[in-house]
Protein backbone atom coordinates (compact mmCIF):
# COMPACT_ATOMS: atom_id res chain seq x y z
CA MET A 1 28.83 -23.02 31.71
CA GLY A 2 31.41 -21.16 28.28
CA GLU A 3 30.78 -22.74 24.77
CA ILE A 4 33.40 -24.94 24.27
CA PRO A 5 35.26 -24.31 20.38
CA GLU A 6 34.80 -26.61 17.73
CA GLU A 7 38.63 -27.39 17.57
CA ALA A 8 38.98 -28.63 20.74
CA ILE A 9 35.92 -30.67 20.47
CA ARG A 10 37.00 -31.72 16.91
CA MET A 11 40.87 -32.35 18.58
CA ARG A 12 39.09 -35.12 21.18
CA ALA A 13 36.73 -36.49 18.79
CA TYR A 14 40.02 -37.28 16.48
CA HIS A 15 42.01 -38.59 19.85
CA ILE A 16 39.03 -41.07 20.45
CA TRP A 17 39.00 -42.34 17.38
CA GLU A 18 42.55 -43.46 17.05
CA ARG A 19 42.52 -44.64 20.52
CA GLU A 20 39.33 -47.08 19.45
CA GLY A 21 41.57 -47.87 16.27
CA ARG A 22 40.42 -45.96 13.60
CA PRO A 23 36.73 -47.07 13.24
CA HIS A 24 34.71 -45.91 10.39
CA GLY A 25 31.30 -44.72 10.25
CA ARG A 26 31.41 -43.50 13.77
CA ASP A 27 32.22 -40.03 14.02
CA HIS A 28 29.27 -38.61 14.91
CA GLU A 29 29.26 -41.28 18.05
CA HIS A 30 33.14 -39.68 18.43
CA TRP A 31 32.03 -36.67 18.92
CA VAL A 32 29.21 -36.81 21.07
CA GLN A 33 31.58 -38.75 23.33
CA ALA A 34 34.52 -36.19 22.79
CA ARG A 35 31.47 -32.82 24.14
CA ILE A 36 30.56 -35.57 26.97
CA GLU A 37 34.40 -35.69 28.45
CA LEU A 38 35.16 -31.47 27.53
CA ASP A 39 31.78 -30.51 29.33
CA ALA A 40 32.98 -32.76 32.39
CA GLU A 41 36.73 -31.47 32.49
CA VAL A 42 34.67 -28.17 32.77
CA VAL A 43 32.57 -28.34 35.26
CA ARG A 44 35.58 -30.35 37.24
CA LEU A 45 37.94 -27.70 36.74
CA GLN A 46 35.38 -24.32 37.85
CA PRO A 47 36.00 -23.37 41.32
CA PRO A 48 33.75 -24.40 44.15
CA ARG A 49 30.95 -22.17 44.59
CA ARG A 50 31.06 -20.69 48.09
CA ALA A 51 28.00 -20.16 50.20
CA ALA A 52 26.83 -16.61 50.72
CA PRO A 53 28.69 -15.24 54.13
CA PRO A 54 25.93 -14.96 56.65
CA ALA A 55 23.76 -11.58 57.70
CA PRO A 56 25.03 -10.13 60.21
CA PRO A 57 23.15 -10.05 63.02
CA GLN A 58 20.06 -7.58 62.92
CA ALA A 59 20.82 -4.64 65.81
CA ARG A 60 18.35 -4.73 68.93
CA SER A 61 16.02 -1.89 68.77
CA ASN A 62 16.14 0.02 72.11
CA GLY A 63 13.16 2.66 71.00
CA GLY A 64 15.95 5.38 70.44
CA LYS A 65 17.62 5.59 74.27
CA SER A 66 20.79 5.31 75.08
CA PRO A 67 22.24 2.18 76.87
CA ALA A 68 22.27 4.54 79.93
CA ALA A 69 18.98 4.86 79.52
CA LYS A 70 17.89 1.86 78.62
CA GLN A 71 18.98 0.52 81.65
CA GLY A 72 17.61 2.65 83.90
CA ARG A 73 20.47 5.67 83.94
CA SER A 74 20.30 8.99 82.69
CA SER A 75 23.27 9.52 80.36
CA ALA A 76 23.88 12.96 81.57
CA PRO A 77 26.94 13.86 83.76
CA ARG A 78 26.92 13.78 87.11
CA SER A 79 27.10 16.37 89.40
CA GLY A 80 29.85 16.67 91.85
CA ARG A 81 27.30 15.60 94.90
CA GLY A 82 28.52 12.34 96.29
CA LYS A 83 26.17 9.32 95.98
CA ARG A 84 22.70 9.47 97.84
């Protein structure tokens, strides 16, 4: 997660202090609350992580044979003879 600038925390703490009626002696509490709020905003604004795309299916090994040889046929061109 990225670092939140101190100035942003200071401004948020100031707004919290004002919102709560400007009480004295709670500056650390307001600073911590400001940091928590800003951290939550950063997380909320980050784009959702996408799952890795599925891996392509593994190619089936045919032992180095051509598709025609795998099916029991020759891959050589046929001669002009007819069917047997």
